[in-house]
Amino acid sequence: MKNHKCRNIIGPQVRKLRYAKGWSQEKFADELQMHGLNVRRCGVIRIESQEMWVGDFEMLIIAEVLGVDVQELFPRFSRREPLYSSIKRILSGQVKTLMSPDAILAAETERLTASLKEIP
């Protein structure tokens, strides 16, 4: 299997919702086009396989076409762990800058302290 970067986190839910409507990828692409989103079957495949980045306005159209709220496109996250941890796990380390709030604060404090030391 080809290793690829995850460019969206809504793909698996889009696939499930499309399938629940009994639509083929071609039918879904047709519906998206009728709502103003210029996408073909290959684009639907890339969205569902998480290979294609999906913008906010595209999510709005996808949700409208599927007849769901936008939040239903996103995976359910466990409330037992911080959101950044869930996203980091989903992305499997692909995002190097995703840090815990404590780590961000510590890094920023260190950066500011270093810059203050440079002031004469």
C-alpha atoms as a PDB file:
ATOM      1  CA  MET A   1       0.000   0.000   0.000  1.00  0.00           C
ATOM      2  CA  LYS A   2       1.224   3.468  -0.914  1.00  0.00           C
ATOM      3  CA  ASN A   3       2.202   5.620   2.061  1.00  0.00           C
ATOM      4  CA  HIS A   4       0.649   9.079   1.826  1.00  0.00           C
ATOM      5  CA  LYS A   5       0.224  12.159   3.945  1.00  0.00           C
ATOM      6  CA  CYS A   6      -3.106  12.687   5.609  1.00  0.00           C
ATOM      7  CA  ARG A   7      -4.509  15.914   4.163  1.00  0.00           C
ATOM      8  CA  ASN A   8      -7.930  15.807   5.824  1.00  0.00           C
ATOM      9  CA  ILE A   9      -9.593  14.035   8.734  1.00  0.00           C
ATOM     10  CA  ILE A  10     -13.119  13.948   7.322  1.00  0.00           C
ATOM     11  CA  GLY A  11     -12.559  11.355   4.572  1.00  0.00           C
ATOM     12  CA  PRO A  12     -13.648   8.209   6.438  1.00  0.00           C
ATOM     13  CA  GLN A  13     -16.827   9.887   7.709  1.00  0.00           C
ATOM     14  CA  VAL A  14     -17.634  11.243   4.239  1.00  0.00           C
ATOM     15  CA  ARG A  15     -17.304   7.694   2.882  1.00  0.00           C
ATOM     16  CA  LYS A  16     -19.607   6.276   5.579  1.00  0.00           C
ATOM     17  CA  LEU A  17     -22.225   8.990   5.062  1.00  0.00           C
ATOM     18  CA  ARG A  18     -22.123   8.611   1.267  1.00  0.00           C
ATOM     19  CA  TYR A  19     -22.428   4.859   1.563  1.00  0.00           C
ATOM     20  CA  ALA A  20     -25.367   5.206   3.994  1.00  0.00           C
ATOM     21  CA  LYS A  21     -27.197   7.216   1.301  1.00  0.00           C
ATOM     22  CA  GLY A  22     -26.579   4.396  -1.158  1.00  0.00           C
ATOM     23  CA  TRP A  23     -24.639   6.690  -3.491  1.00  0.00           C
ATOM     24  CA  SER A  24     -21.748   5.683  -5.686  1.00  0.00           C
ATOM     25  CA  GLN A  25     -18.726   7.949  -5.777  1.00  0.00           C
ATOM     26  CA  GLU A  26     -19.864   9.074  -9.233  1.00  0.00           C
ATOM     27  CA  LYS A  27     -23.357   9.966  -7.962  1.00  0.00           C
ATOM     28  CA  PHE A  28     -21.835  11.846  -5.006  1.00  0.00           C
ATOM     29  CA  ALA A  29     -19.534  13.790  -7.364  1.00  0.00           C
ATOM     30  CA  ASP A  30     -22.566  14.681  -9.516  1.00  0.00           C
ATOM     31  CA  GLU A  31     -24.440  15.958  -6.445  1.00  0.00           C
ATOM     32  CA  LEU A  32     -21.432  18.000  -5.327  1.00  0.00           C
ATOM     33  CA  GLN A  33     -21.177  19.536  -8.808  1.00  0.00           C
ATOM     34  CA  MET A  34     -24.864  20.471  -8.739  1.00  0.00           C
ATOM     35  CA  HIS A  35     -24.135  22.362  -5.502  1.00  0.00           C
ATOM     36  CA  GLY A  36     -21.183  24.233  -7.017  1.00  0.00           C
ATOM     37  CA  LEU A  37     -18.202  22.099  -6.018  1.00  0.00           C
ATOM     38  CA  ASN A  38     -16.126  21.229  -9.078  1.00  0.00           C
ATOM     39  CA  VAL A  39     -15.097  17.666  -8.259  1.00  0.00           C
ATOM     40  CA  ARG A  40     -15.151  14.405 -10.196  1.00  0.00           C
ATOM     41  CA  ARG A  41     -15.145  10.820  -8.987  1.00  0.00           C
ATOM     42  CA  CYS A  42     -11.347  10.836  -8.661  1.00  0.00           C
ATOM     43  CA  GLY A  43     -11.657  13.854  -6.332  1.00  0.00           C
ATOM     44  CA  VAL A  44     -14.195  12.006  -4.188  1.00  0.00           C
ATOM     45  CA  ILE A  45     -11.790   9.064  -4.009  1.00  0.00           C
ATOM     46  CA  ARG A  46      -8.973  11.381  -2.893  1.00  0.00           C
ATOM     47  CA  ILE A  47     -11.172  13.068  -0.271  1.00  0.00           C
ATOM     48  CA  GLU A  48     -12.364   9.748   1.140  1.00  0.00           C
ATOM     49  CA  SER A  49      -8.829   8.341   1.215  1.00  0.00           C
ATOM     50  CA  GLN A  50      -7.624  11.518   2.962  1.00  0.00           C
ATOM     51  CA  GLU A  51      -5.222  12.345   0.129  1.00  0.00           C
ATOM     52  CA  MET A  52      -6.895  15.642  -0.790  1.00  0.00           C
ATOM     53  CA  TRP A  53      -7.021  18.785   1.334  1.00  0.00           C
ATOM     54  CA  VAL A  54     -10.599  19.955   1.949  1.00  0.00           C
ATOM     55  CA  GLY A  55     -11.280  23.644   2.587  1.00  0.00           C
ATOM     56  CA  ASP A  56     -13.908  25.004   4.936  1.00  0.00           C
ATOM     57  CA  PHE A  57     -16.280  26.074   2.152  1.00  0.00           C
ATOM     58  CA  GLU A  58     -15.921  22.622   0.589  1.00  0.00           C
ATOM     59  CA  MET A  59     -16.847  21.037   3.925  1.00  0.00           C
ATOM     60  CA  LEU A  60     -19.969  23.191   4.023  1.00  0.00           C
ATOM     61  CA  ILE A  61     -21.014  21.972   0.572  1.00  0.00           C
ATOM     62  CA  ILE A  62     -20.193  18.338   1.396  1.00  0.00           C
ATOM     63  CA  ALA A  63     -22.254  18.522   4.587  1.00  0.00           C
ATOM     64  CA  GLU A  64     -25.146  20.173   2.729  1.00  0.00           C
ATOM     65  CA  VAL A  65     -25.129  17.505   0.010  1.00  0.00           C
ATOM     66  CA  LEU A  66     -24.986  14.695   2.582  1.00  0.00           C
ATOM     67  CA  GLY A  67     -27.721  16.359   4.648  1.00  0.00           C
ATOM     68  CA  VAL A  68     -25.706  16.545   7.866  1.00  0.00           C
ATOM     69  CA  ASP A  69     -24.211  19.201  10.137  1.00  0.00           C
ATOM     70  CA  VAL A  70     -20.558  19.973   9.416  1.00  0.00           C
ATOM     71  CA  GLN A  71     -19.511  18.560  12.793  1.00  0.00           C
ATOM     72  CA  GLU A  72     -20.766  15.131  11.673  1.00  0.00           C
ATOM     73  CA  LEU A  73     -18.000  15.070   9.061  1.00  0.00           C
ATOM     74  CA  PHE A  74     -15.356  14.994  11.780  1.00  0.00           C
ATOM     75  CA  PRO A  75     -14.302  11.884  13.707  1.00  0.00           C
ATOM     76  CA  ARG A  76     -15.485  11.508  17.262  1.00  0.00           C
ATOM     77  CA  PHE A  77     -12.712  12.339  19.695  1.00  0.00           C
ATOM     78  CA  SER A  78     -12.329  10.862  23.142  1.00  0.00           C
ATOM     79  CA  ARG A  79     -12.966  13.321  25.932  1.00  0.00           C
ATOM     80  CA  ARG A  80     -10.446  11.341  28.027  1.00  0.00           C
ATOM     81  CA  GLU A  81      -7.480  12.810  26.185  1.00  0.00           C
ATOM     82  CA  PRO A  82      -6.662  16.346  25.021  1.00  0.00           C
ATOM     83  CA  LEU A  83      -7.785  17.191  21.487  1.00  0.00           C
ATOM     84  CA  TYR A  84      -4.215  17.845  20.309  1.00  0.00           C
ATOM     85  CA  SER A  85      -3.296  14.286  21.375  1.00  0.00           C
ATOM     86  CA  SER A  86      -6.193  12.787  19.406  1.00  0.00           C
ATOM     87  CA  ILE A  87      -5.309  14.768  16.286  1.00  0.00           C
ATOM     88  CA  LYS A  88      -1.624  13.923  16.620  1.00  0.00           C
ATOM     89  CA  ARG A  89      -2.518  10.221  16.865  1.00  0.00           C
ATOM     90  CA  ILE A  90      -4.765  10.445  13.778  1.00  0.00           C
ATOM     91  CA  LEU A  91      -2.027  12.173  11.814  1.00  0.00           C
ATOM     92  CA  SER A  92       0.577   9.625  12.962  1.00  0.00           C
ATOM     93  CA  GLY A  93       3.318  12.155  13.578  1.00  0.00           C
ATOM     94  CA  GLN A  94       2.898  13.890  10.214  1.00  0.00           C
ATOM     95  CA  VAL A  95       2.493  17.287  11.859  1.00  0.00           C
ATOM     96  CA  LYS A  96       5.698  18.231  13.611  1.00  0.00           C
ATOM     97  CA  THR A  97       4.377  21.484  15.076  1.00  0.00           C
ATOM     98  CA  LEU A  98       1.427  19.980  16.940  1.00  0.00           C
ATOM     99  CA  MET A  99       2.427  20.403  20.580  1.00  0.00           C
ATOM    100  CA  SER A 100       0.719  20.324  23.929  1.00  0.00           C
ATOM    101  CA  PRO A 101      -0.218  23.728  25.374  1.00  0.00           C
ATOM    102  CA  ASP A 102       2.408  23.237  28.111  1.00  0.00           C
ATOM    103  CA  ALA A 103       5.105  22.513  25.527  1.00  0.00           C
ATOM    104  CA  ILE A 104       4.098  25.608  23.522  1.00  0.00           C
ATOM    105  CA  LEU A 105       4.263  27.768  26.653  1.00  0.00           C
ATOM    106  CA  ALA A 106       7.663  26.355  27.619  1.00  0.00           C
ATOM    107  CA  ALA A 107       9.081  26.893  24.107  1.00  0.00           C
ATOM    108  CA  GLU A 108       7.742  30.442  23.938  1.00  0.00           C
ATOM    109  CA  THR A 109       9.095  31.241  27.398  1.00  0.00           C
ATOM    110  CA  GLU A 110      12.501  29.923  26.380  1.00  0.00           C
ATOM    111  CA  ARG A 111      12.447  31.970  23.168  1.00  0.00           C
ATOM    112  CA  LEU A 112      11.471  35.164  24.980  1.00  0.00           C
ATOM    113  CA  THR A 113      14.041  34.608  27.732  1.00  0.00           C
ATOM    114  CA  ALA A 114      16.777  34.160  25.108  1.00  0.00           C
ATOM    115  CA  SER A 115      15.725  37.322  23.269  1.00  0.00           C
ATOM    116  CA  LEU A 116      15.725  39.315  26.542  1.00  0.00           C
ATOM    117  CA  LYS A 117      19.281  38.198  27.242  1.00  0.00           C
ATOM    118  CA  GLU A 118      20.348  39.726  23.919  1.00  0.00           C
ATOM    119  CA  ILE A 119      19.106  43.170  24.936  1.00  0.00           C
ATOM    120  CA  PRO A 120      22.036  45.290  26.225  1.00  0.00           C
END
